[in-house]
N, C-alpha and C. Protein backbone atom coordinates (compact mmCIF):
# COMPACT_ATOMS: atom_id res chain seq x y z
N MET A 1 -51.15 4.28 19.96
CA MET A 1 -50.19 3.65 19.34
C MET A 1 -49.41 4.21 18.75
N SER A 2 -47.99 4.76 19.22
CA SER A 2 -47.79 5.39 17.76
C SER A 2 -47.56 5.36 16.66
N GLU A 3 -47.20 5.56 16.05
CA GLU A 3 -46.47 5.02 14.08
C GLU A 3 -45.53 4.10 14.23
N ILE A 4 -44.22 4.66 14.81
CA ILE A 4 -42.97 3.80 15.70
C ILE A 4 -43.69 2.69 16.17
N ASP A 5 -44.03 2.87 17.16
CA ASP A 5 -45.02 1.68 18.18
C ASP A 5 -45.21 0.36 16.76
N ARG A 6 -46.26 1.02 16.57
CA ARG A 6 -46.91 -0.18 15.23
C ARG A 6 -46.14 -0.64 14.27
N LEU A 7 -44.99 0.05 14.22
CA LEU A 7 -43.88 -0.55 13.69
C LEU A 7 -43.12 -1.47 13.79
N ILE A 8 -42.10 -0.76 14.79
CA ILE A 8 -42.11 -2.25 15.75
C ILE A 8 -42.70 -3.37 16.36
N LYS A 9 -43.72 -2.87 17.14
CA LYS A 9 -44.74 -4.76 16.60
C LYS A 9 -44.39 -5.08 15.63
N GLU A 10 -45.10 -4.74 14.36
CA GLU A 10 -45.29 -4.93 13.01
C GLU A 10 -44.00 -5.93 12.33
N ARG A 11 -42.66 -5.67 12.40
CA ARG A 11 -41.30 -5.61 12.40
C ARG A 11 -40.55 -6.39 12.89
N CYS A 12 -40.72 -5.67 14.31
CA CYS A 12 -39.90 -6.53 14.90
C CYS A 12 -40.75 -7.34 16.76
N PRO A 13 -41.20 -8.21 16.12
CA PRO A 13 -42.23 -8.45 17.31
C PRO A 13 -41.66 -8.70 18.87
N ALA A 14 -40.45 -9.55 17.91
CA ALA A 14 -39.01 -10.20 19.45
C ALA A 14 -38.39 -9.03 20.30
N GLY A 15 -39.09 -7.45 19.94
CA GLY A 15 -38.23 -6.58 20.53
C GLY A 15 -37.22 -6.34 19.10
N VAL A 16 -36.80 -5.21 19.28
CA VAL A 16 -35.63 -4.22 18.36
C VAL A 16 -34.02 -5.24 19.19
N PRO A 17 -33.61 -5.73 17.51
CA PRO A 17 -31.90 -6.55 18.21
C PRO A 17 -31.06 -5.61 18.68
N ARG A 18 -29.91 -5.70 18.85
CA ARG A 18 -28.85 -5.06 19.08
C ARG A 18 -27.78 -5.92 18.75
N MET A 19 -26.61 -5.11 18.03
CA MET A 19 -25.49 -6.16 18.03
C MET A 19 -24.20 -5.14 18.28
N SER A 20 -23.05 -5.57 18.49
CA SER A 20 -21.78 -4.92 18.37
C SER A 20 -21.12 -4.34 17.88
N LEU A 21 -20.50 -3.18 17.10
CA LEU A 21 -20.05 -2.21 16.48
C LEU A 21 -19.41 -3.67 15.38
N SER A 22 -18.53 -4.37 16.50
CA SER A 22 -17.63 -4.70 15.18
C SER A 22 -18.18 -5.64 15.20
N GLU A 23 -19.71 -6.08 14.56
CA GLU A 23 -20.60 -7.10 13.42
C GLU A 23 -21.69 -6.51 12.68
N ILE A 24 -21.07 -5.19 12.94
CA ILE A 24 -22.04 -4.52 11.90
C ILE A 24 -21.23 -3.40 10.97
N GLY A 25 -20.00 -3.50 11.37
CA GLY A 25 -19.30 -2.98 10.10
C GLY A 25 -17.66 -2.64 10.65
N THR A 26 -17.20 -1.43 9.82
CA THR A 26 -15.26 -1.40 10.12
C THR A 26 -14.64 -0.37 11.05
N ILE A 27 -13.76 -0.26 11.76
CA ILE A 27 -13.44 1.44 11.98
C ILE A 27 -12.27 0.97 11.53
N LEU A 28 -12.04 2.91 11.19
CA LEU A 28 -10.90 2.78 10.78
C LEU A 28 -10.41 4.21 10.91
N GLY A 29 -8.46 4.38 11.03
CA GLY A 29 -8.37 5.35 11.81
C GLY A 29 -8.25 7.08 10.59
N GLY A 30 -8.38 7.83 11.32
CA GLY A 30 -8.40 8.83 10.11
C GLY A 30 -6.52 9.63 9.58
N MET A 31 -6.56 9.95 9.19
CA MET A 31 -4.78 10.63 8.52
C MET A 31 -3.76 10.06 9.50
N SER A 32 -2.75 9.82 8.93
CA SER A 32 -1.54 9.50 9.51
C SER A 32 -0.55 9.86 8.83
N GLY A 33 1.04 10.13 10.08
CA GLY A 33 2.13 10.85 8.67
C GLY A 33 2.12 11.60 8.34
N LYS A 34 1.11 12.87 8.87
CA LYS A 34 1.11 14.17 8.07
C LYS A 34 2.21 15.09 9.32
N SER A 35 2.60 16.20 8.47
CA SER A 35 3.56 16.81 9.13
C SER A 35 2.70 18.42 8.61
N LYS A 36 2.95 19.17 9.51
CA LYS A 36 2.75 21.11 9.44
C LYS A 36 2.30 21.82 7.66
N GLU A 37 3.50 20.78 7.39
CA GLU A 37 4.24 22.09 6.34
C GLU A 37 2.55 21.26 4.95
N ASP A 38 2.35 20.22 5.64
CA ASP A 38 1.24 19.43 4.66
C ASP A 38 -0.12 20.32 4.41
N PHE A 39 -0.15 20.79 5.37
CA PHE A 39 -1.75 21.84 5.63
C PHE A 39 -1.46 23.03 4.70
N SER A 40 -0.24 23.20 4.56
CA SER A 40 -0.32 25.12 4.40
C SER A 40 -0.13 24.45 2.88
N ASN A 41 0.31 24.22 1.97
CA ASN A 41 -0.41 23.87 0.35
C ASN A 41 -0.92 22.94 0.08
N GLY A 42 -2.02 22.55 0.95
CA GLY A 42 -2.91 20.79 0.35
C GLY A 42 -3.70 21.21 -0.72
N ASN A 43 -3.54 19.60 -1.90
CA ASN A 43 -4.88 19.53 -2.96
C ASN A 43 -5.73 18.55 -2.00
N SER A 44 -6.16 18.40 -1.53
CA SER A 44 -7.16 17.18 -1.12
C SER A 44 -7.93 17.81 0.77
N LYS A 45 -9.30 18.16 0.22
CA LYS A 45 -10.09 18.53 1.07
C LYS A 45 -9.74 17.38 2.31
N TYR A 46 -10.37 18.14 3.73
CA TYR A 46 -10.09 17.21 4.85
C TYR A 46 -11.16 17.58 5.68
N ILE A 47 -11.44 16.82 6.58
CA ILE A 47 -12.91 17.42 7.89
C ILE A 47 -11.82 17.54 9.23
N THR A 48 -12.11 18.34 9.53
CA THR A 48 -11.02 18.83 11.27
C THR A 48 -11.87 18.23 11.95
N TYR A 49 -11.00 17.98 12.97
CA TYR A 49 -11.51 17.93 14.56
C TYR A 49 -12.75 18.50 15.08
N MET A 50 -13.04 19.59 14.65
CA MET A 50 -14.33 20.72 15.05
C MET A 50 -15.18 20.54 14.52
N ASN A 51 -15.04 20.48 12.68
CA ASN A 51 -16.27 20.22 12.15
C ASN A 51 -16.55 18.71 12.13
N VAL A 52 -15.91 17.61 13.42
CA VAL A 52 -16.63 16.47 13.63
C VAL A 52 -17.71 16.82 15.12
N TYR A 53 -16.92 17.77 15.67
CA TYR A 53 -17.05 17.87 17.18
C TYR A 53 -18.19 18.69 17.53
N LYS A 54 -18.48 19.53 16.32
CA LYS A 54 -19.68 20.71 16.15
C LYS A 54 -21.52 19.99 15.18
N ASN A 55 -21.18 19.10 14.23
CA ASN A 55 -21.44 18.52 13.53
C ASN A 55 -22.79 17.39 13.93
N PRO A 56 -23.86 17.44 14.07
CA PRO A 56 -24.18 15.63 13.73
C PRO A 56 -24.60 14.91 12.44
N ARG A 57 -23.97 16.11 11.76
CA ARG A 57 -23.41 15.61 10.31
C ARG A 57 -22.96 16.43 9.59
N THR A 58 -22.18 15.89 8.90
CA THR A 58 -20.70 16.51 9.00
C THR A 58 -21.19 17.19 7.94
N ILE A 59 -20.38 18.78 8.03
CA ILE A 59 -20.69 19.43 6.43
C ILE A 59 -18.78 19.30 5.37
N LEU A 60 -19.38 19.42 4.38
CA LEU A 60 -18.18 19.15 3.46
C LEU A 60 -18.06 19.79 2.71
N ASP A 61 -18.59 21.09 2.09
CA ASP A 61 -18.31 22.11 1.25
C ASP A 61 -17.31 22.97 2.89
N VAL A 62 -16.09 22.20 2.79
CA VAL A 62 -15.23 22.95 3.83
C VAL A 62 -13.86 23.67 2.70
N GLU A 63 -13.23 24.58 3.44
CA GLU A 63 -12.29 24.81 3.01
C GLU A 63 -10.60 24.42 3.29
N ASP A 64 -10.67 23.57 3.94
CA ASP A 64 -9.41 23.24 4.50
C ASP A 64 -8.68 22.03 3.96
N TYR A 65 -7.94 21.60 3.62
CA TYR A 65 -6.94 21.36 3.25
C TYR A 65 -5.45 20.82 3.21
N VAL A 66 -5.47 19.32 2.24
CA VAL A 66 -3.98 18.82 3.54
C VAL A 66 -3.21 18.52 1.87
N ASN A 67 -2.52 18.46 1.56
CA ASN A 67 -0.93 17.43 1.18
C ASN A 67 -1.40 16.20 1.00
N ILE A 68 -1.83 15.56 -0.32
CA ILE A 68 -1.97 14.08 0.09
C ILE A 68 -0.87 13.68 -1.61
N GLN A 69 -0.36 12.61 -1.44
CA GLN A 69 0.59 12.32 -2.59
C GLN A 69 0.48 11.38 -3.70
N GLN A 70 -0.06 11.62 -5.01
CA GLN A 70 -0.43 10.11 -5.22
C GLN A 70 0.02 8.76 -4.91
N ASN A 71 -1.22 8.00 -4.72
CA ASN A 71 -0.52 6.68 -3.98
C ASN A 71 -0.25 6.69 -2.88
N GLU A 72 -0.96 7.38 -2.58
CA GLU A 72 -0.24 7.67 -0.73
C GLU A 72 -1.70 6.76 0.21
N LYS A 73 -1.42 6.26 0.85
CA LYS A 73 -2.63 5.45 1.30
C LYS A 73 -2.99 6.21 2.76
N GLN A 74 -4.23 6.93 2.60
CA GLN A 74 -4.91 7.56 3.24
C GLN A 74 -6.66 7.03 3.66
N ASN A 75 -7.30 6.87 4.08
CA ASN A 75 -8.50 6.28 4.70
C ASN A 75 -9.14 8.32 4.18
N GLN A 76 -10.78 7.30 3.11
CA GLN A 76 -11.41 8.47 2.09
C GLN A 76 -12.65 8.69 3.19
N ILE A 77 -13.51 9.41 3.73
CA ILE A 77 -14.37 9.67 3.95
C ILE A 77 -15.93 9.03 2.38
N HIS A 78 -16.67 8.09 3.19
CA HIS A 78 -17.78 7.67 2.34
C HIS A 78 -18.53 8.28 2.87
N THR A 79 -20.23 8.09 2.00
CA THR A 79 -21.28 8.73 2.46
C THR A 79 -21.62 7.27 3.33
N GLY A 80 -22.45 7.58 4.41
CA GLY A 80 -22.86 6.72 5.64
C GLY A 80 -22.02 6.07 6.52
N ASP A 81 -21.00 6.95 6.14
CA ASP A 81 -19.41 6.89 7.30
C ASP A 81 -19.71 7.52 8.59
N VAL A 82 -19.46 7.01 9.59
CA VAL A 82 -19.67 8.02 11.14
C VAL A 82 -18.05 8.47 11.77
N LEU A 83 -18.35 9.91 11.47
CA LEU A 83 -16.89 9.84 12.39
C LEU A 83 -17.12 10.32 13.89
N PHE A 84 -15.95 10.13 14.72
CA PHE A 84 -15.97 10.01 15.77
C PHE A 84 -14.69 10.97 16.68
N THR A 85 -14.61 11.84 16.98
CA THR A 85 -14.07 12.95 17.65
C THR A 85 -12.73 11.05 18.62
N GLY A 86 -11.97 11.03 18.19
CA GLY A 86 -11.20 10.41 19.07
C GLY A 86 -10.37 10.55 20.47
N SER A 87 -9.74 12.38 20.41
CA SER A 87 -8.86 12.02 22.16
C SER A 87 -9.15 13.33 22.31
N SER A 88 -9.34 13.60 23.30
CA SER A 88 -9.87 15.41 24.15
C SER A 88 -9.14 15.00 25.57
N GLU A 89 -9.22 16.51 26.03
CA GLU A 89 -9.34 16.32 27.51
C GLU A 89 -9.48 15.95 28.66
N THR A 90 -10.54 15.66 28.23
CA THR A 90 -12.11 15.62 28.98
C THR A 90 -12.94 13.65 28.08
N PRO A 91 -12.80 12.96 29.31
CA PRO A 91 -13.25 11.12 28.75
C PRO A 91 -14.85 11.90 27.56
N ASP A 92 -15.92 12.97 28.46
CA ASP A 92 -16.90 13.40 28.31
C ASP A 92 -16.68 14.27 26.15
N GLU A 93 -15.74 14.55 26.10
CA GLU A 93 -15.53 14.89 24.62
C GLU A 93 -15.27 14.39 23.51
N CYS A 94 -14.23 12.80 24.21
CA CYS A 94 -14.49 12.11 23.18
C CYS A 94 -15.65 11.12 22.52
N GLY A 95 -15.14 10.78 21.36
CA GLY A 95 -16.09 9.83 20.54
C GLY A 95 -17.49 10.52 20.30
N ILE A 96 -17.45 11.86 19.51
CA ILE A 96 -18.52 12.77 19.38
C ILE A 96 -18.58 11.83 17.76
N SER A 97 -20.15 12.07 17.76
CA SER A 97 -19.91 11.91 16.41
C SER A 97 -20.73 12.90 15.63
N SER A 98 -20.32 11.84 14.32
CA SER A 98 -20.56 13.34 13.25
C SER A 98 -21.02 12.23 12.00
N VAL A 99 -22.02 12.39 11.03
CA VAL A 99 -22.34 11.52 10.38
C VAL A 99 -22.33 11.81 9.05
N VAL A 100 -21.63 11.06 7.96
CA VAL A 100 -21.52 11.99 6.59
C VAL A 100 -23.55 11.52 5.78
N CYS A 101 -24.20 12.03 5.71
CA CYS A 101 -24.51 12.20 5.13
C CYS A 101 -25.34 12.46 3.46
N ASP A 102 -24.06 13.01 3.40
CA ASP A 102 -24.41 13.87 2.00
C ASP A 102 -23.78 12.92 0.76
N ASN A 103 -23.85 12.97 -0.24
CA ASN A 103 -22.95 12.46 -1.11
C ASN A 103 -21.57 12.92 -1.67
N VAL A 104 -20.88 11.91 -1.28
CA VAL A 104 -19.51 12.27 -1.35
C VAL A 104 -18.59 12.40 -2.65
N THR A 105 -18.22 13.90 -3.27
CA THR A 105 -18.10 13.18 -4.87
C THR A 105 -16.63 13.51 -5.71
N GLU A 106 -15.89 14.02 -4.32
CA GLU A 106 -14.46 13.70 -4.34
C GLU A 106 -13.59 13.45 -3.32
N PRO A 107 -12.74 12.86 -3.07
CA PRO A 107 -10.79 12.63 -2.04
C PRO A 107 -11.81 13.43 -0.93
N ILE A 108 -12.23 12.73 0.43
CA ILE A 108 -12.55 13.63 1.05
C ILE A 108 -11.75 13.28 2.32
N TYR A 109 -10.73 13.59 2.92
CA TYR A 109 -9.99 12.97 4.61
C TYR A 109 -10.11 13.51 5.46
N LEU A 110 -9.50 12.61 6.83
CA LEU A 110 -10.04 12.96 8.23
C LEU A 110 -9.28 13.39 8.48
N ASN A 111 -8.92 14.37 9.32
CA ASN A 111 -7.91 14.79 11.45
C ASN A 111 -7.54 13.92 11.54
N SER A 112 -6.50 13.34 11.83
CA SER A 112 -5.70 12.71 12.99
C SER A 112 -6.34 12.28 13.63
N PHE A 113 -6.66 13.37 14.72
CA PHE A 113 -7.50 12.85 16.14
C PHE A 113 -9.02 12.25 15.59
N CYS A 114 -9.08 12.21 15.13
CA CYS A 114 -10.66 11.70 14.72
C CYS A 114 -10.88 10.11 13.94
N PHE A 115 -12.14 9.51 13.96
CA PHE A 115 -11.83 8.05 13.57
C PHE A 115 -12.95 7.73 12.82
N ILE A 116 -12.81 6.72 11.41
CA ILE A 116 -14.22 6.37 11.25
C ILE A 116 -15.04 5.09 10.95
N PHE A 117 -16.82 5.09 11.64
CA PHE A 117 -16.95 3.70 11.89
C PHE A 117 -17.74 3.52 10.52
N ARG A 118 -17.38 2.79 9.65
CA ARG A 118 -18.01 2.41 8.48
C ARG A 118 -19.32 1.24 9.10
N PRO A 119 -20.15 1.47 9.07
CA PRO A 119 -21.38 0.64 9.33
C PRO A 119 -22.00 -0.57 7.37
N ASN A 120 -21.68 -2.00 7.30
CA ASN A 120 -21.83 -2.68 6.58
C ASN A 120 -23.11 -1.67 6.02
N ASP A 121 -22.80 -2.28 4.25
CA ASP A 121 -24.43 -1.66 3.92
C ASP A 121 -25.66 -1.89 4.19
N GLY A 122 -26.77 -1.01 3.89
CA GLY A 122 -28.38 -1.97 4.25
C GLY A 122 -28.87 -1.61 5.22
N ILE A 123 -27.49 -1.06 6.55
CA ILE A 123 -28.54 -1.58 7.52
C ILE A 123 -29.21 -0.62 8.05
N PHE A 124 -28.25 1.04 7.72
CA PHE A 124 -28.46 2.09 8.11
C PHE A 124 -28.85 3.66 7.92
N ASN A 125 -30.33 3.54 7.99
CA ASN A 125 -30.34 5.41 7.48
C ASN A 125 -29.46 6.19 7.71
N PRO A 126 -28.24 6.78 7.49
CA PRO A 126 -27.48 7.61 7.86
C PRO A 126 -27.71 8.82 8.84
N HIS A 127 -29.01 9.12 8.20
CA HIS A 127 -30.12 10.14 9.35
C HIS A 127 -30.51 9.76 10.65
N PHE A 128 -30.61 8.10 10.42
CA PHE A 128 -30.99 7.65 11.66
C PHE A 128 -29.64 7.83 12.91
N LEU A 129 -28.20 7.46 12.09
CA LEU A 129 -27.14 7.63 12.81
C LEU A 129 -26.52 8.91 13.63
N LYS A 130 -26.83 9.90 12.87
CA LYS A 130 -26.65 11.31 13.47
C LYS A 130 -27.78 11.23 14.73
N HIS A 131 -29.06 11.12 14.99
CA HIS A 131 -30.05 11.08 16.28
C HIS A 131 -29.32 9.84 16.95
N LEU A 132 -28.74 8.71 16.64
CA LEU A 132 -28.95 7.62 17.49
C LEU A 132 -27.36 7.68 18.18
N PHE A 133 -25.98 7.82 17.56
CA PHE A 133 -25.02 8.40 17.99
C PHE A 133 -24.67 9.40 19.20
N ARG A 134 -25.69 10.57 18.66
CA ARG A 134 -25.86 11.35 19.62
C ARG A 134 -26.94 11.42 20.82
N SER A 135 -27.04 10.24 21.38
CA SER A 135 -28.27 9.94 22.72
C SER A 135 -27.45 9.88 23.12
N SER A 136 -28.27 9.83 24.75
CA SER A 136 -27.69 9.97 25.80
C SER A 136 -26.99 8.12 25.71
N GLU A 137 -28.84 7.46 25.80
CA GLU A 137 -27.84 5.94 26.17
C GLU A 137 -25.62 5.99 25.13
N LEU A 138 -26.46 6.39 24.16
CA LEU A 138 -24.96 5.63 23.37
C LEU A 138 -23.93 6.32 24.10
N ARG A 139 -24.10 7.84 24.31
CA ARG A 139 -22.92 8.92 25.03
C ARG A 139 -22.44 8.21 25.96
N ASN A 140 -23.06 7.37 26.64
CA ASN A 140 -22.68 7.06 28.34
C ASN A 140 -21.98 5.71 27.37
N GLN A 141 -22.15 4.64 26.73
CA GLN A 141 -21.09 3.33 26.22
C GLN A 141 -20.24 3.68 25.88
N ILE A 142 -19.90 5.17 24.67
CA ILE A 142 -19.26 5.64 24.59
C ILE A 142 -17.72 6.11 25.38
N GLY A 143 -19.11 6.85 25.80
CA GLY A 143 -17.76 7.41 27.19
C GLY A 143 -17.04 6.76 28.08
N LYS A 144 -17.76 5.87 28.54
CA LYS A 144 -16.92 4.56 28.70
C LYS A 144 -15.67 3.75 27.90
N THR A 145 -15.58 4.37 26.61
CA THR A 145 -14.56 3.51 26.28
C THR A 145 -12.97 4.49 25.99
N ALA A 146 -13.29 5.43 26.56
CA ALA A 146 -12.18 6.74 27.10
C ALA A 146 -11.21 6.24 27.89
N ASN A 147 -9.75 6.47 27.91
CA ASN A 147 -9.05 6.39 28.88
C ASN A 147 -7.94 7.35 28.53
N GLY A 148 -6.72 7.88 29.88
CA GLY A 148 -6.09 8.61 29.83
C GLY A 148 -6.20 9.35 31.29
N VAL A 149 -5.13 10.39 31.19
CA VAL A 149 -5.03 10.91 32.59
C VAL A 149 -4.97 13.00 32.15
N THR A 150 -4.32 12.99 31.21
CA THR A 150 -4.25 14.44 31.25
C THR A 150 -4.89 14.60 29.70
N ARG A 151 -4.48 13.60 28.82
CA ARG A 151 -5.29 13.61 27.40
C ARG A 151 -6.34 11.74 27.34
N HIS A 152 -7.51 12.43 26.98
CA HIS A 152 -8.20 11.08 26.83
C HIS A 152 -7.92 10.59 25.40
N ASN A 153 -8.09 9.20 25.43
CA ASN A 153 -8.03 8.91 24.15
C ASN A 153 -9.37 7.80 24.27
N VAL A 154 -9.74 7.32 23.20
CA VAL A 154 -11.30 5.94 22.72
C VAL A 154 -9.92 5.11 22.36
N SER A 155 -10.88 3.60 23.10
CA SER A 155 -10.13 2.77 22.85
C SER A 155 -10.79 2.15 21.99
N LYS A 156 -10.49 1.65 21.07
CA LYS A 156 -10.85 1.49 19.80
C LYS A 156 -10.84 -0.20 20.14
N LYS A 157 -10.83 -0.99 21.09
CA LYS A 157 -11.27 -2.64 21.68
C LYS A 157 -12.19 -2.72 21.67
N LEU A 158 -12.27 -1.48 23.01
CA LEU A 158 -14.00 -0.94 23.77
C LEU A 158 -15.03 -0.20 22.85
N PHE A 159 -14.20 0.25 22.09
CA PHE A 159 -15.84 1.11 21.19
C PHE A 159 -16.07 -0.16 20.20
N SER A 160 -15.39 -0.73 19.94
CA SER A 160 -16.18 -2.02 18.80
C SER A 160 -17.52 -2.86 20.06
N LYS A 161 -16.82 -2.52 20.91
CA LYS A 161 -17.57 -3.43 21.96
C LYS A 161 -19.29 -2.85 22.52
N VAL A 162 -19.16 -1.45 21.54
CA VAL A 162 -20.33 -0.65 22.07
C VAL A 162 -21.72 -1.51 21.27
N GLU A 163 -22.94 -1.49 21.93
CA GLU A 163 -23.78 -2.36 21.35
C GLU A 163 -24.90 -1.01 20.37
N VAL A 164 -25.11 -1.50 19.78
CA VAL A 164 -26.84 -0.44 19.34
C VAL A 164 -27.24 -1.11 18.85
N PRO A 165 -28.73 -0.13 18.96
CA PRO A 165 -30.40 -0.66 18.70
C PRO A 165 -30.33 -0.89 16.98
N ILE A 166 -30.56 -1.88 16.11
CA ILE A 166 -30.62 -1.87 14.92
C ILE A 166 -32.39 -2.04 14.34
N PRO A 167 -33.10 -0.86 14.36
CA PRO A 167 -34.28 -1.22 14.06
C PRO A 167 -34.69 -1.14 12.88
N PRO A 168 -36.04 -1.92 12.13
CA PRO A 168 -35.97 -2.10 10.53
C PRO A 168 -36.07 -0.44 9.95
N ILE A 169 -35.26 -0.91 8.59
CA ILE A 169 -35.40 1.11 8.20
C ILE A 169 -36.70 1.90 7.61
N GLU A 170 -38.00 1.38 7.30
CA GLU A 170 -39.05 1.77 8.13
C GLU A 170 -39.37 2.76 9.24
N VAL A 171 -38.97 1.66 10.31
CA VAL A 171 -38.62 2.62 11.44
C VAL A 171 -37.58 3.29 11.56
N GLN A 172 -36.43 3.37 11.70
CA GLN A 172 -35.52 3.97 10.77
C GLN A 172 -36.17 5.45 10.42
N ASN A 173 -36.97 5.22 9.73
CA ASN A 173 -37.32 6.85 8.41
C ASN A 173 -37.64 7.33 9.39
N GLU A 174 -39.31 6.80 10.19
CA GLU A 174 -40.35 7.60 11.28
C GLU A 174 -39.01 8.44 12.28
N ILE A 175 -38.34 7.48 12.27
CA ILE A 175 -37.51 8.39 13.60
C ILE A 175 -37.30 9.29 13.20
N VAL A 176 -36.40 9.51 12.06
CA VAL A 176 -35.65 10.73 11.09
C VAL A 176 -37.18 11.51 11.26
N ARG A 177 -38.18 11.20 10.55
CA ARG A 177 -38.62 12.39 10.18
C ARG A 177 -39.55 13.10 11.53
N ILE A 178 -39.65 12.40 12.27
CA ILE A 178 -40.02 12.86 13.90
C ILE A 178 -39.01 13.69 14.41
N LEU A 179 -37.80 13.48 14.53
CA LEU A 179 -37.49 14.30 15.46
C LEU A 179 -35.93 15.72 14.58
N ASP A 180 -36.21 15.14 13.02
CA ASP A 180 -35.69 16.05 11.97
C ASP A 180 -36.60 17.14 12.46
N ASN A 181 -37.38 16.74 11.83
CA ASN A 181 -38.92 17.93 12.09
C ASN A 181 -38.99 18.78 13.56
N PHE A 182 -38.72 17.85 14.50
CA PHE A 182 -38.91 18.71 15.93
C PHE A 182 -37.54 19.55 15.69
N SER A 183 -36.16 19.21 15.50
CA SER A 183 -34.63 19.93 15.01
C SER A 183 -35.37 21.06 14.26
N GLU A 184 -36.17 21.10 13.54
CA GLU A 184 -36.13 21.93 12.60
C GLU A 184 -36.90 23.72 13.30
N LEU A 185 -38.25 22.48 13.56
CA LEU A 185 -38.69 23.44 14.75
C LEU A 185 -38.31 24.19 15.53
N GLU A 186 -37.35 23.76 16.17
CA GLU A 186 -36.23 23.99 17.43
C GLU A 186 -35.35 24.89 17.00
N ALA A 187 -34.58 24.75 15.76
CA ALA A 187 -34.03 25.97 15.12
C ALA A 187 -34.77 27.60 14.74
N GLU A 188 -35.88 27.14 14.02
CA GLU A 188 -36.78 28.05 14.26
C GLU A 188 -37.31 29.18 15.45
N LEU A 189 -37.31 28.31 16.32
CA LEU A 189 -38.09 28.97 17.48
C LEU A 189 -36.73 29.95 18.16
N GLU A 190 -35.27 29.46 17.64
CA GLU A 190 -33.79 30.09 18.44
C GLU A 190 -33.72 30.64 17.97
N ALA A 191 -33.91 31.15 16.72
CA ALA A 191 -33.78 32.36 15.71
C ALA A 191 -34.66 33.33 15.91
N GLU A 192 -36.34 32.67 16.03
CA GLU A 192 -37.02 34.34 16.33
C GLU A 192 -36.70 34.54 17.59
N LEU A 193 -36.15 33.89 19.06
CA LEU A 193 -35.83 34.13 19.96
C LEU A 193 -34.93 35.20 20.37
N GLU A 194 -33.65 35.15 18.84
CA GLU A 194 -32.75 35.38 18.65
C GLU A 194 -32.76 36.94 18.44
N ALA A 195 -33.81 36.58 17.87
CA ALA A 195 -33.92 38.07 16.35
C ALA A 195 -34.80 38.81 17.95
N GLU A 196 -35.67 38.62 18.96
CA GLU A 196 -36.98 39.38 19.67
C GLU A 196 -35.75 40.14 20.23
N LEU A 197 -34.64 38.94 20.71
CA LEU A 197 -33.71 39.41 21.79
C LEU A 197 -32.93 40.80 21.30
N GLU A 198 -32.57 40.65 19.48
CA GLU A 198 -31.59 42.40 19.47
C GLU A 198 -33.05 42.53 19.04
N ALA A 199 -33.48 42.66 18.83
CA ALA A 199 -34.32 43.71 18.83
C ALA A 199 -35.04 44.49 19.56
N ARG A 200 -34.99 43.97 20.55
CA ARG A 200 -34.78 44.94 22.22
C ARG A 200 -33.53 46.00 22.64
């Protein structure tokens, strides 16, 4: 029996509970009402669509800026937020996730073509979510929330009904430990392979 199996048996004798996203958090939009000029001389950082799309763990050290006026009502990202791409030319690329795992120490905003899922406090280890929302099961569920013809958009109503497992934090931590170690090993092997190919 693995450590994960042991923890689940000990902490969840009746099985891992599942709940819809609407029951465990809040969905918030990205920036709105921004013009092209707002991005030419910005005063605040923002997370781009490609930052979300490419990175399971959101990169906060960015040089992308937008102009935000004082007292302007725009949603800022918080530590633990899950950022999602909201639209794409194909449904498979809608709802791609990126999790804010690092401490957010300054106001940072989000691209208007993306949106935020903010879990209630204490439910998740953010590092667990970076694996969960990119898993095949969740990608399958989220993919079904997108609709359109030439441009597909995530329906927030359908998205809010997506169900996720909520294992105890101890189980989440063990899953993170295993998967992060695997990801590091995979990255090392890929780097070694690239170096070997370049040397030939």
